[in-house]
PDB file of N, CA and C in Angstrom:
ATOM      1  N   MET A   1     -10.843 -52.377 118.611  1.00  0.00           N
ATOM      2  CA  MET A   1     -10.530 -53.778 118.419  1.00  0.00           C
ATOM      3  C   MET A   1     -10.627 -54.124 116.938  1.00  0.00           C
ATOM      4  N   ILE A   2      -9.630 -54.812 116.450  1.00  0.00           N
ATOM      5  CA  ILE A   2      -9.601 -55.287 115.070  1.00  0.00           C
ATOM      6  C   ILE A   2     -10.268 -56.657 115.037  1.00  0.00           C
ATOM      7  N   ILE A   3     -11.160 -56.854 114.074  1.00  0.00           N
ATOM      8  CA  ILE A   3     -11.791 -58.152 113.906  1.00  0.00           C
ATOM      9  C   ILE A   3     -11.485 -58.640 112.499  1.00  0.00           C
ATOM     10  N   MET A   4     -10.975 -59.859 112.405  1.00  0.00           N
ATOM     11  CA  MET A   4     -10.723 -60.486 111.121  1.00  0.00           C
ATOM     12  C   MET A   4     -11.796 -61.541 110.896  1.00  0.00           C
ATOM     13  N   TYR A   5     -12.432 -61.459 109.732  1.00  0.00           N
ATOM     14  CA  TYR A   5     -13.470 -62.408 109.357  1.00  0.00           C
ATOM     15  C   TYR A   5     -12.951 -63.294 108.241  1.00  0.00           C
ATOM     16  N   GLY A   6     -13.286 -64.571 108.331  1.00  0.00           N
ATOM     17  CA  GLY A   6     -12.882 -65.497 107.284  1.00  0.00           C
ATOM     18  C   GLY A   6     -13.151 -66.928 107.693  1.00  0.00           C
ATOM     19  N   ILE A   7     -12.335 -67.815 107.155  1.00  0.00           N
ATOM     20  CA  ILE A   7     -12.431 -69.246 107.437  1.00  0.00           C
ATOM     21  C   ILE A   7     -11.040 -69.708 107.839  1.00  0.00           C
ATOM     22  N   LYS A   8     -10.941 -70.356 108.989  1.00  0.00           N
ATOM     23  CA  LYS A   8      -9.613 -70.617 109.555  1.00  0.00           C
ATOM     24  C   LYS A   8      -8.709 -71.494 108.697  1.00  0.00           C
ATOM     25  N   ASN A   9      -9.253 -72.336 107.821  1.00  0.00           N
ATOM     26  CA  ASN A   9      -8.372 -73.178 107.022  1.00  0.00           C
ATOM     27  C   ASN A   9      -8.000 -72.549 105.677  1.00  0.00           C
ATOM     28  N   CYS A  10      -8.398 -71.302 105.437  1.00  0.00           N
ATOM     29  CA  CYS A  10      -8.069 -70.575 104.210  1.00  0.00           C
ATOM     30  C   CYS A  10      -6.595 -70.141 104.259  1.00  0.00           C
ATOM     31  N   ASP A  11      -5.860 -70.399 103.183  1.00  0.00           N
ATOM     32  CA  ASP A  11      -4.437 -70.042 103.141  1.00  0.00           C
ATOM     33  C   ASP A  11      -4.207 -68.540 103.292  1.00  0.00           C
ATOM     34  N   THR A  12      -5.053 -67.738 102.694  1.00  0.00           N
ATOM     35  CA  THR A  12      -4.900 -66.284 102.807  1.00  0.00           C
ATOM     36  C   THR A  12      -5.146 -65.831 104.238  1.00  0.00           C
ATOM     37  N   ILE A  13      -6.114 -66.429 104.890  1.00  0.00           N
ATOM     38  CA  ILE A  13      -6.377 -66.124 106.302  1.00  0.00           C
ATOM     39  C   ILE A  13      -5.160 -66.492 107.136  1.00  0.00           C
ATOM     40  N   LYS A  14      -4.579 -67.639 106.870  1.00  0.00           N
ATOM     41  CA  LYS A  14      -3.396 -68.075 107.631  1.00  0.00           C
ATOM     42  C   LYS A  14      -2.262 -67.064 107.487  1.00  0.00           C
ATOM     43  N   LYS A  15      -2.044 -66.553 106.270  1.00  0.00           N
ATOM     44  CA  LYS A  15      -0.984 -65.560 106.043  1.00  0.00           C
ATOM     45  C   LYS A  15      -1.289 -64.260 106.789  1.00  0.00           C
ATOM     46  N   ALA A  16      -2.539 -63.815 106.709  1.00  0.00           N
ATOM     47  CA  ALA A  16      -2.927 -62.564 107.370  1.00  0.00           C
ATOM     48  C   ALA A  16      -2.810 -62.691 108.886  1.00  0.00           C
ATOM     49  N   ARG A  17      -3.253 -63.814 109.415  1.00  0.00           N
ATOM     50  CA  ARG A  17      -3.163 -64.023 110.869  1.00  0.00           C
ATOM     51  C   ARG A  17      -1.710 -64.071 111.308  1.00  0.00           C
ATOM     52  N   LYS A  18      -0.876 -64.733 110.528  1.00  0.00           N
ATOM     53  CA  LYS A  18       0.550 -64.815 110.865  1.00  0.00           C
ATOM     54  C   LYS A  18       1.165 -63.414 110.880  1.00  0.00           C
ATOM     55  N   PHE A  19       0.798 -62.583 109.897  1.00  0.00           N
ATOM     56  CA  PHE A  19       1.312 -61.216 109.865  1.00  0.00           C
ATOM     57  C   PHE A  19       0.938 -60.480 111.145  1.00  0.00           C
ATOM     58  N   LEU A  20      -0.336 -60.531 111.511  1.00  0.00           N
ATOM     59  CA  LEU A  20      -0.790 -59.819 112.705  1.00  0.00           C
ATOM     60  C   LEU A  20      -0.090 -60.335 113.955  1.00  0.00           C
ATOM     61  N   GLU A  21       0.013 -61.642 114.075  1.00  0.00           N
ATOM     62  CA  GLU A  21       0.645 -62.223 115.258  1.00  0.00           C
ATOM     63  C   GLU A  21       2.133 -61.916 115.315  1.00  0.00           C
ATOM     64  N   THR A  22       2.819 -61.992 114.181  1.00  0.00           N
ATOM     65  CA  THR A  22       4.249 -61.685 114.130  1.00  0.00           C
ATOM     66  C   THR A  22       4.526 -60.243 114.517  1.00  0.00           C
ATOM     67  N   ASN A  23       3.587 -59.367 114.168  1.00  0.00           N
ATOM     68  CA  ASN A  23       3.751 -57.938 114.460  1.00  0.00           C
ATOM     69  C   ASN A  23       3.044 -57.506 115.746  1.00  0.00           C
ATOM     70  N   ASN A  24       2.672 -58.489 116.559  1.00  0.00           N
ATOM     71  CA  ASN A  24       2.036 -58.225 117.865  1.00  0.00           C
ATOM     72  C   ASN A  24       0.842 -57.286 117.774  1.00  0.00           C
ATOM     73  N   ILE A  25      -0.006 -57.532 116.787  1.00  0.00           N
ATOM     74  CA  ILE A  25      -1.210 -56.727 116.606  1.00  0.00           C
ATOM     75  C   ILE A  25      -2.388 -57.532 117.138  1.00  0.00           C
ATOM     76  N   ASP A  26      -3.044 -56.990 118.150  1.00  0.00           N
ATOM     77  CA  ASP A  26      -4.185 -57.679 118.752  1.00  0.00           C
ATOM     78  C   ASP A  26      -5.371 -57.669 117.799  1.00  0.00           C
ATOM     79  N   TYR A  27      -6.021 -58.796 117.702  1.00  0.00           N
ATOM     80  CA  TYR A  27      -7.207 -58.912 116.864  1.00  0.00           C
ATOM     81  C   TYR A  27      -8.063 -60.058 117.369  1.00  0.00           C
ATOM     82  N   GLN A  28      -9.284 -60.053 116.932  1.00  0.00           N
ATOM     83  CA  GLN A  28     -10.205 -61.141 117.233  1.00  0.00           C
ATOM     84  C   GLN A  28     -10.525 -61.813 115.901  1.00  0.00           C
ATOM     85  N   PHE A  29     -10.605 -63.143 115.887  1.00  0.00           N
ATOM     86  CA  PHE A  29     -10.927 -63.857 114.652  1.00  0.00           C
ATOM     87  C   PHE A  29     -12.363 -64.362 114.706  1.00  0.00           C
ATOM     88  N   HIS A  30     -13.085 -64.139 113.622  1.00  0.00           N
ATOM     89  CA  HIS A  30     -14.478 -64.575 113.501  1.00  0.00           C
ATOM     90  C   HIS A  30     -14.576 -65.498 112.292  1.00  0.00           C
ATOM     91  N   ASP A  31     -14.878 -66.756 112.532  1.00  0.00           N
ATOM     92  CA  ASP A  31     -14.977 -67.750 111.467  1.00  0.00           C
ATOM     93  C   ASP A  31     -16.406 -67.778 110.926  1.00  0.00           C
ATOM     94  N   PHE A  32     -16.547 -67.501 109.624  1.00  0.00           N
ATOM     95  CA  PHE A  32     -17.869 -67.511 108.997  1.00  0.00           C
ATOM     96  C   PHE A  32     -18.600 -68.831 109.213  1.00  0.00           C
ATOM     97  N   ARG A  33     -17.872 -69.915 109.089  1.00  0.00           N
ATOM     98  CA  ARG A  33     -18.514 -71.232 109.182  1.00  0.00           C
ATOM     99  C   ARG A  33     -18.963 -71.542 110.602  1.00  0.00           C
ATOM    100  N   GLU A  34     -18.115 -71.259 111.571  1.00  0.00           N
ATOM    101  CA  GLU A  34     -18.423 -71.614 112.952  1.00  0.00           C
ATOM    102  C   GLU A  34     -19.292 -70.561 113.652  1.00  0.00           C
ATOM    103  N   ASP A  35     -19.021 -69.295 113.379  1.00  0.00           N
ATOM    104  CA  ASP A  35     -19.676 -68.213 114.116  1.00  0.00           C
ATOM    105  C   ASP A  35     -20.814 -67.546 113.348  1.00  0.00           C
ATOM    106  N   GLY A  36     -20.992 -67.917 112.094  1.00  0.00           N
ATOM    107  CA  GLY A  36     -22.058 -67.327 111.295  1.00  0.00           C
ATOM    108  C   GLY A  36     -21.698 -65.946 110.778  1.00  0.00           C
ATOM    109  N   LEU A  37     -22.670 -65.310 110.166  1.00  0.00           N
ATOM    110  CA  LEU A  37     -22.465 -64.006 109.565  1.00  0.00           C
ATOM    111  C   LEU A  37     -23.709 -63.155 109.806  1.00  0.00           C
ATOM    112  N   ASN A  38     -23.519 -61.980 110.345  1.00  0.00           N
ATOM    113  CA  ASN A  38     -24.607 -61.074 110.652  1.00  0.00           C
ATOM    114  C   ASN A  38     -25.042 -60.357 109.364  1.00  0.00           C
ATOM    115  N   PRO A  39     -26.305 -60.506 108.935  1.00  0.00           N
ATOM    116  CA  PRO A  39     -26.763 -59.869 107.697  1.00  0.00           C
ATOM    117  C   PRO A  39     -26.650 -58.343 107.712  1.00  0.00           C
ATOM    118  N   ILE A  40     -26.814 -57.734 108.867  1.00  0.00           N
ATOM    119  CA  ILE A  40     -26.698 -56.275 108.967  1.00  0.00           C
ATOM    120  C   ILE A  40     -25.254 -55.859 108.707  1.00  0.00           C
ATOM    121  N   GLN A  41     -24.335 -56.617 109.266  1.00  0.00           N
ATOM    122  CA  GLN A  41     -22.915 -56.342 109.066  1.00  0.00           C
ATOM    123  C   GLN A  41     -22.541 -56.542 107.594  1.00  0.00           C
ATOM    124  N   LEU A  42     -23.042 -57.606 106.999  1.00  0.00           N
ATOM    125  CA  LEU A  42     -22.793 -57.876 105.582  1.00  0.00           C
ATOM    126  C   LEU A  42     -23.268 -56.702 104.720  1.00  0.00           C
ATOM    127  N   ARG A  43     -24.441 -56.173 105.015  1.00  0.00           N
ATOM    128  CA  ARG A  43     -24.971 -55.024 104.274  1.00  0.00           C
ATOM    129  C   ARG A  43     -24.069 -53.786 104.452  1.00  0.00           C
ATOM    130  N   ALA A  44     -23.543 -53.627 105.650  1.00  0.00           N
ATOM    131  CA  ALA A  44     -22.638 -52.492 105.904  1.00  0.00           C
ATOM    132  C   ALA A  44     -21.359 -52.629 105.079  1.00  0.00           C
ATOM    133  N   TRP A  45     -20.824 -53.838 104.992  1.00  0.00           N
ATOM    134  CA  TRP A  45     -19.623 -54.066 104.178  1.00  0.00           C
ATOM    135  C   TRP A  45     -19.901 -53.764 102.718  1.00  0.00           C
ATOM    136  N   VAL A  46     -21.028 -54.256 102.220  1.00  0.00           N
ATOM    137  CA  VAL A  46     -21.383 -54.015 100.816  1.00  0.00           C
ATOM    138  C   VAL A  46     -21.568 -52.516 100.584  1.00  0.00           C
ATOM    139  N   SER A  47     -22.165 -51.841 101.536  1.00  0.00           N
ATOM    140  CA  SER A  47     -22.368 -50.401 101.418  1.00  0.00           C
ATOM    141  C   SER A  47     -21.024 -49.667 101.355  1.00  0.00           C
ATOM    142  N   GLU A  48     -20.070 -50.090 102.173  1.00  0.00           N
ATOM    143  CA  GLU A  48     -18.767 -49.419 102.211  1.00  0.00           C
ATOM    144  C   GLU A  48     -17.866 -49.811 101.045  1.00  0.00           C
ATOM    145  N   LEU A  49     -17.831 -51.098 100.718  1.00  0.00           N
ATOM    146  CA  LEU A  49     -16.876 -51.610  99.735  1.00  0.00           C
ATOM    147  C   LEU A  49     -17.463 -51.809  98.341  1.00  0.00           C
ATOM    148  N   GLY A  50     -18.763 -52.067  98.278  1.00  0.00           N
ATOM    149  CA  GLY A  50     -19.386 -52.475  97.025  1.00  0.00           C
ATOM    150  C   GLY A  50     -19.374 -53.995  96.927  1.00  0.00           C
ATOM    151  N   TRP A  51     -20.433 -54.557  96.390  1.00  0.00           N
ATOM    152  CA  TRP A  51     -20.520 -56.023  96.327  1.00  0.00           C
ATOM    153  C   TRP A  51     -19.446 -56.613  95.414  1.00  0.00           C
ATOM    154  N   GLU A  52     -19.044 -55.856  94.381  1.00  0.00           N
ATOM    155  CA  GLU A  52     -18.046 -56.370  93.439  1.00  0.00           C
ATOM    156  C   GLU A  52     -16.696 -56.628  94.116  1.00  0.00           C
ATOM    157  N   LYS A  53     -16.364 -55.817  95.087  1.00  0.00           N
ATOM    158  CA  LYS A  53     -15.091 -55.978  95.798  1.00  0.00           C
ATOM    159  C   LYS A  53     -15.188 -57.077  96.854  1.00  0.00           C
ATOM    160  N   LEU A  54     -16.365 -57.266  97.400  1.00  0.00           N
ATOM    161  CA  LEU A  54     -16.553 -58.228  98.488  1.00  0.00           C
ATOM    162  C   LEU A  54     -16.718 -59.662  97.991  1.00  0.00           C
ATOM    163  N   ILE A  55     -17.298 -59.836  96.819  1.00  0.00           N
ATOM    164  CA  ILE A  55     -17.554 -61.179  96.289  1.00  0.00           C
ATOM    165  C   ILE A  55     -16.317 -61.679  95.548  1.00  0.00           C
ATOM    166  N   ASN A  56     -15.897 -62.883  95.879  1.00  0.00           N
ATOM    167  CA  ASN A  56     -14.716 -63.488  95.271  1.00  0.00           C
ATOM    168  C   ASN A  56     -15.124 -64.300  94.043  1.00  0.00           C
ATOM    169  N   LYS A  57     -14.950 -63.714  92.876  1.00  0.00           N
ATOM    170  CA  LYS A  57     -15.335 -64.380  91.636  1.00  0.00           C
ATOM    171  C   LYS A  57     -14.335 -65.446  91.200  1.00  0.00           C
ATOM    172  N   ARG A  58     -13.254 -65.622  91.949  1.00  0.00           N
ATOM    173  CA  ARG A  58     -12.302 -66.693  91.649  1.00  0.00           C
ATOM    174  C   ARG A  58     -12.506 -67.892  92.578  1.00  0.00           C
ATOM    175  N   SER A  59     -13.483 -67.801  93.460  1.00  0.00           N
ATOM    176  CA  SER A  59     -13.690 -68.862  94.451  1.00  0.00           C
ATOM    177  C   SER A  59     -14.431 -70.058  93.865  1.00  0.00           C
ATOM    178  N   THR A  60     -14.270 -71.180  94.520  1.00  0.00           N
ATOM    179  CA  THR A  60     -15.012 -72.386  94.159  1.00  0.00           C
ATOM    180  C   THR A  60     -16.505 -72.137  94.322  1.00  0.00           C
ATOM    181  N   THR A  61     -16.874 -71.404  95.353  1.00  0.00           N
ATOM    182  CA  THR A  61     -18.287 -71.105  95.591  1.00  0.00           C
ATOM    183  C   THR A  61     -18.871 -70.356  94.396  1.00  0.00           C
ATOM    184  N   TRP A  62     -18.141 -69.368  93.873  1.00  0.00           N
ATOM    185  CA  TRP A  62     -18.609 -68.622  92.702  1.00  0.00           C
ATOM    186  C   TRP A  62     -18.740 -69.556  91.501  1.00  0.00           C
ATOM    187  N   ARG A  63     -17.716 -70.369  91.266  1.00  0.00           N
ATOM    188  CA  ARG A  63     -17.737 -71.275  90.107  1.00  0.00           C
ATOM    189  C   ARG A  63     -18.902 -72.258  90.182  1.00  0.00           C
ATOM    190  N   ASN A  64     -19.317 -72.610  91.401  1.00  0.00           N
ATOM    191  CA  ASN A  64     -20.411 -73.558  91.571  1.00  0.00           C
ATOM    192  C   ASN A  64     -21.801 -72.930  91.495  1.00  0.00           C
ATOM    193  N   LEU A  65     -21.871 -71.616  91.411  1.00  0.00           N
ATOM    194  CA  LEU A  65     -23.170 -70.958  91.263  1.00  0.00           C
ATOM    195  C   LEU A  65     -23.748 -71.273  89.887  1.00  0.00           C
ATOM    196  N   PRO A  66     -25.056 -71.308  89.787  1.00  0.00           N
ATOM    197  CA  PRO A  66     -25.665 -71.464  88.464  1.00  0.00           C
ATOM    198  C   PRO A  66     -25.256 -70.305  87.553  1.00  0.00           C
ATOM    199  N   ASP A  67     -25.085 -70.587  86.269  1.00  0.00           N
ATOM    200  CA  ASP A  67     -24.687 -69.550  85.320  1.00  0.00           C
ATOM    201  C   ASP A  67     -25.644 -68.365  85.343  1.00  0.00           C
ATOM    202  N   GLU A  68     -26.912 -68.647  85.522  1.00  0.00           N
ATOM    203  CA  GLU A  68     -27.920 -67.592  85.569  1.00  0.00           C
ATOM    204  C   GLU A  68     -27.649 -66.620  86.730  1.00  0.00           C
ATOM    205  N   SER A  69     -27.261 -67.169  87.885  1.00  0.00           N
ATOM    206  CA  SER A  69     -26.946 -66.325  89.047  1.00  0.00           C
ATOM    207  C   SER A  69     -25.714 -65.470  88.779  1.00  0.00           C
ATOM    208  N   LYS A  70     -24.697 -66.075  88.189  1.00  0.00           N
ATOM    209  CA  LYS A  70     -23.478 -65.319  87.891  1.00  0.00           C
ATOM    210  C   LYS A  70     -23.760 -64.199  86.890  1.00  0.00           C
ATOM    211  N   LYS A  71     -24.554 -64.504  85.887  1.00  0.00           N
ATOM    212  CA  LYS A  71     -24.866 -63.530  84.847  1.00  0.00           C
ATOM    213  C   LYS A  71     -25.702 -62.367  85.385  1.00  0.00           C
ATOM    214  N   ASN A  72     -26.581 -62.655  86.316  1.00  0.00           N
ATOM    215  CA  ASN A  72     -27.492 -61.634  86.840  1.00  0.00           C
ATOM    216  C   ASN A  72     -27.074 -61.076  88.203  1.00  0.00           C
ATOM    217  N   MET A  73     -25.839 -61.315  88.600  1.00  0.00           N
ATOM    218  CA  MET A  73     -25.387 -60.870  89.916  1.00  0.00           C
ATOM    219  C   MET A  73     -25.480 -59.356  90.022  1.00  0.00           C
ATOM    220  N   ASP A  74     -26.095 -58.917  91.099  1.00  0.00           N
ATOM    221  CA  ASP A  74     -26.156 -57.512  91.448  1.00  0.00           C
ATOM    222  C   ASP A  74     -26.077 -57.437  92.969  1.00  0.00           C
ATOM    223  N   GLU A  75     -26.218 -56.262  93.524  1.00  0.00           N
ATOM    224  CA  GLU A  75     -26.062 -56.107  94.972  1.00  0.00           C
ATOM    225  C   GLU A  75     -27.056 -56.969  95.751  1.00  0.00           C
ATOM    226  N   THR A  76     -28.299 -56.978  95.331  1.00  0.00           N
ATOM    227  CA  THR A  76     -29.324 -57.742  96.045  1.00  0.00           C
ATOM    228  C   THR A  76     -29.020 -59.230  96.026  1.00  0.00           C
ATOM    229  N   LEU A  77     -28.694 -59.755  94.860  1.00  0.00           N
ATOM    230  CA  LEU A  77     -28.385 -61.184  94.745  1.00  0.00           C
ATOM    231  C   LEU A  77     -27.082 -61.513  95.477  1.00  0.00           C
ATOM    232  N   ALA A  78     -26.117 -60.631  95.410  1.00  0.00           N
ATOM    233  CA  ALA A  78     -24.846 -60.850  96.106  1.00  0.00           C
ATOM    234  C   ALA A  78     -25.076 -60.979  97.616  1.00  0.00           C
ATOM    235  N   LEU A  79     -25.937 -60.139  98.161  1.00  0.00           N
ATOM    236  CA  LEU A  79     -26.250 -60.216  99.594  1.00  0.00           C
ATOM    237  C   LEU A  79     -26.918 -61.543  99.941  1.00  0.00           C
ATOM    238  N   VAL A  80     -27.860 -61.977  99.116  1.00  0.00           N
ATOM    239  CA  VAL A  80     -28.551 -63.245  99.355  1.00  0.00           C
ATOM    240  C   VAL A  80     -27.569 -64.410  99.305  1.00  0.00           C
ATOM    241  N   VAL A  81     -26.732 -64.442  98.279  1.00  0.00           N
ATOM    242  CA  VAL A  81     -25.768 -65.533  98.118  1.00  0.00           C
ATOM    243  C   VAL A  81     -24.756 -65.526  99.257  1.00  0.00           C
ATOM    244  N   ALA A  82     -24.237 -64.348  99.611  1.00  0.00           N
ATOM    245  CA  ALA A  82     -23.223 -64.262 100.673  1.00  0.00           C
ATOM    246  C   ALA A  82     -23.795 -64.674 102.024  1.00  0.00           C
ATOM    247  N   GLU A  83     -25.056 -64.332 102.271  1.00  0.00           N
ATOM    248  CA  GLU A  83     -25.693 -64.760 103.523  1.00  0.00           C
ATOM    249  C   GLU A  83     -25.817 -66.280 103.573  1.00  0.00           C
ATOM    250  N   ASP A  84     -26.189 -66.853 102.443  1.00  0.00           N
ATOM    251  CA  ASP A  84     -26.401 -68.295 102.365  1.00  0.00           C
ATOM    252  C   ASP A  84     -25.083 -69.065 102.269  1.00  0.00           C
ATOM    253  N   GLN A  85     -24.113 -68.489 101.560  1.00  0.00           N
ATOM    254  CA  GLN A  85     -22.823 -69.146 101.325  1.00  0.00           C
ATOM    255  C   GLN A  85     -21.683 -68.158 101.586  1.00  0.00           C
ATOM    256  N   PRO A  86     -21.354 -67.912 102.845  1.00  0.00           N
ATOM    257  CA  PRO A  86     -20.353 -66.886 103.160  1.00  0.00           C
ATOM    258  C   PRO A  86     -18.961 -67.184 102.597  1.00  0.00           C
ATOM    259  N   THR A  87     -18.725 -68.409 102.141  1.00  0.00           N
ATOM    260  CA  THR A  87     -17.420 -68.713 101.550  1.00  0.00           C
ATOM    261  C   THR A  87     -17.208 -67.989 100.224  1.00  0.00           C
ATOM    262  N   ILE A  88     -18.242 -67.329  99.705  1.00  0.00           N
ATOM    263  CA  ILE A  88     -18.086 -66.550  98.470  1.00  0.00           C
ATOM    264  C   ILE A  88     -17.468 -65.181  98.762  1.00  0.00           C
ATOM    265  N   ILE A  89     -17.372 -64.821 100.036  1.00  0.00           N
ATOM    266  CA  ILE A  89     -16.798 -63.528 100.419  1.00  0.00           C
ATOM    267  C   ILE A  89     -15.281 -63.607 100.344  1.00  0.00           C
ATOM    268  N   LYS A  90     -14.693 -62.595  99.705  1.00  0.00           N
ATOM    269  CA  LYS A  90     -13.240 -62.511  99.600  1.00  0.00           C
ATOM    270  C   LYS A  90     -12.662 -62.408 101.008  1.00  0.00           C
ATOM    271  N   ARG A  91     -11.569 -63.086 101.250  1.00  0.00           N
ATOM    272  CA  ARG A  91     -11.005 -63.146 102.593  1.00  0.00           C
ATOM    273  C   ARG A  91      -9.567 -62.628 102.613  1.00  0.00           C
ATOM    274  N   PRO A  92      -9.193 -62.126 103.784  1.00  0.00           N
ATOM    275  CA  PRO A  92      -9.991 -61.827 104.960  1.00  0.00           C
ATOM    276  C   PRO A  92     -10.730 -60.498 104.813  1.00  0.00           C
ATOM    277  N   VAL A  93     -11.752 -60.358 105.624  1.00  0.00           N
ATOM    278  CA  VAL A  93     -12.381 -59.056 105.811  1.00  0.00           C
ATOM    279  C   VAL A  93     -11.846 -58.562 107.150  1.00  0.00           C
ATOM    280  N   LEU A  94     -11.219 -57.414 107.126  1.00  0.00           N
ATOM    281  CA  LEU A  94     -10.619 -56.847 108.328  1.00  0.00           C
ATOM    282  C   LEU A  94     -11.426 -55.617 108.715  1.00  0.00           C
ATOM    283  N   GLU A  95     -12.051 -55.697 109.869  1.00  0.00           N
ATOM    284  CA  GLU A  95     -12.884 -54.595 110.349  1.00  0.00           C
ATOM    285  C   GLU A  95     -12.085 -53.805 111.378  1.00  0.00           C
ATOM    286  N   LEU A  96     -11.838 -52.540 111.062  1.00  0.00           N
ATOM    287  CA  LEU A  96     -11.097 -51.651 111.947  1.00  0.00           C
ATOM    288  C   LEU A  96     -12.068 -50.614 112.499  1.00  0.00           C
ATOM    289  N   ALA A  97     -11.604 -49.786 113.383  1.00  0.00           N
ATOM    290  CA  ALA A  97     -12.467 -48.781 114.003  1.00  0.00           C
ATOM    291  C   ALA A  97     -13.097 -47.850 112.972  1.00  0.00           C
ATOM    292  N   ASP A  98     -12.328 -47.498 111.930  1.00  0.00           N
ATOM    293  CA  ASP A  98     -12.809 -46.482 110.995  1.00  0.00           C
ATOM    294  C   ASP A  98     -12.985 -46.957 109.559  1.00  0.00           C
ATOM    295  N   LYS A  99     -12.693 -48.229 109.280  1.00  0.00           N
ATOM    296  CA  LYS A  99     -12.864 -48.716 107.913  1.00  0.00           C
ATOM    297  C   LYS A  99     -12.862 -50.239 107.863  1.00  0.00           C
ATOM    298  N   VAL A 100     -13.169 -50.732 106.681  1.00  0.00           N
ATOM    299  CA  VAL A 100     -13.174 -52.168 106.421  1.00  0.00           C
ATOM    300  C   VAL A 100     -12.238 -52.423 105.246  1.00  0.00           C
ATOM    301  N   MET A 101     -11.399 -53.441 105.382  1.00  0.00           N
ATOM    302  CA  MET A 101     -10.476 -53.850 104.316  1.00  0.00           C
ATOM    303  C   MET A 101     -10.822 -55.266 103.909  1.00  0.00           C
ATOM    304  N   VAL A 102     -10.606 -55.573 102.653  1.00  0.00           N
ATOM    305  CA  VAL A 102     -10.831 -56.943 102.206  1.00  0.00           C
ATOM    306  C   VAL A 102      -9.598 -57.414 101.436  1.00  0.00           C
ATOM    307  N   GLY A 103      -9.257 -58.691 101.636  1.00  0.00           N
ATOM    308  CA  GLY A 103      -8.078 -59.261 100.994  1.00  0.00           C
ATOM    309  C   GLY A 103      -6.845 -59.059 101.853  1.00  0.00           C
ATOM    310  N   PHE A 104      -5.757 -59.699 101.435  1.00  0.00           N
ATOM    311  CA  PHE A 104      -4.498 -59.570 102.179  1.00  0.00           C
ATOM    312  C   PHE A 104      -3.350 -59.370 101.219  1.00  0.00           C
ATOM    313  N   SER A 105      -2.553 -58.383 101.509  1.00  0.00           N
ATOM    314  CA  SER A 105      -1.232 -58.249 100.909  1.00  0.00           C
ATOM    315  C   SER A 105      -0.343 -57.734 102.032  1.00  0.00           C
ATOM    316  N   GLU A 106       0.847 -58.263 102.095  1.00  0.00           N
ATOM    317  CA  GLU A 106       1.753 -57.864 103.176  1.00  0.00           C
ATOM    318  C   GLU A 106       2.006 -56.364 103.142  1.00  0.00           C
ATOM    319  N   LYS A 107       2.183 -55.813 101.936  1.00  0.00           N
ATOM    320  CA  LYS A 107       2.451 -54.378 101.817  1.00  0.00           C
ATOM    321  C   LYS A 107       1.265 -53.552 102.355  1.00  0.00           C
ATOM    322  N   ALA A 108       0.061 -53.929 101.986  1.00  0.00           N
ATOM    323  CA  ALA A 108      -1.117 -53.190 102.458  1.00  0.00           C
ATOM    324  C   ALA A 108      -1.211 -53.241 103.980  1.00  0.00           C
ATOM    325  N   TYR A 109      -0.919 -54.400 104.559  1.00  0.00           N
ATOM    326  CA  TYR A 109      -0.967 -54.525 106.017  1.00  0.00           C
ATOM    327  C   TYR A 109       0.163 -53.721 106.657  1.00  0.00           C
ATOM    328  N   GLN A 110       1.349 -53.727 106.048  1.00  0.00           N
ATOM    329  CA  GLN A 110       2.459 -52.928 106.587  1.00  0.00           C
ATOM    330  C   GLN A 110       2.100 -51.451 106.563  1.00  0.00           C
ATOM    331  N   ASP A 111       1.516 -50.998 105.477  1.00  0.00           N
ATOM    332  CA  ASP A 111       1.114 -49.592 105.355  1.00  0.00           C
ATOM    333  C   ASP A 111       0.046 -49.240 106.394  1.00  0.00           C
ATOM    334  N   LEU A 112      -0.862 -50.177 106.628  1.00  0.00           N
ATOM    335  CA  LEU A 112      -1.964 -49.946 107.547  1.00  0.00           C
ATOM    336  C   LEU A 112      -1.489 -49.897 109.001  1.00  0.00           C
ATOM    337  N   PHE A 113      -0.586 -50.804 109.341  1.00  0.00           N
ATOM    338  CA  PHE A 113      -0.151 -50.915 110.728  1.00  0.00           C
ATOM    339  C   PHE A 113       1.222 -50.319 110.945  1.00  0.00           C
TER     340      PHE A 113
END
């Protein structure tokens, strides 16, 4: 089962969901805001992808962080911030049977599926 994680009103999520639905790809959607975020799962993503790839430094959430937090960001702090403010996670996170993908590009999804 494919699980897509994100926030339903995110434009990138809307594009990714439309791609999956148009191509008849079954998936389950998990909304960070409504359904929460499992800290163990978050740690697994960071372990597989690295915190630098998972954290969206172009997000409003990132821009609103204190400068000290941005300057001292490391894996430990990234996990704490992402647990507290999951909107800092780059979207979508696509969890497949054998890997995790982050972000959306039509070409990457076409190659994958």
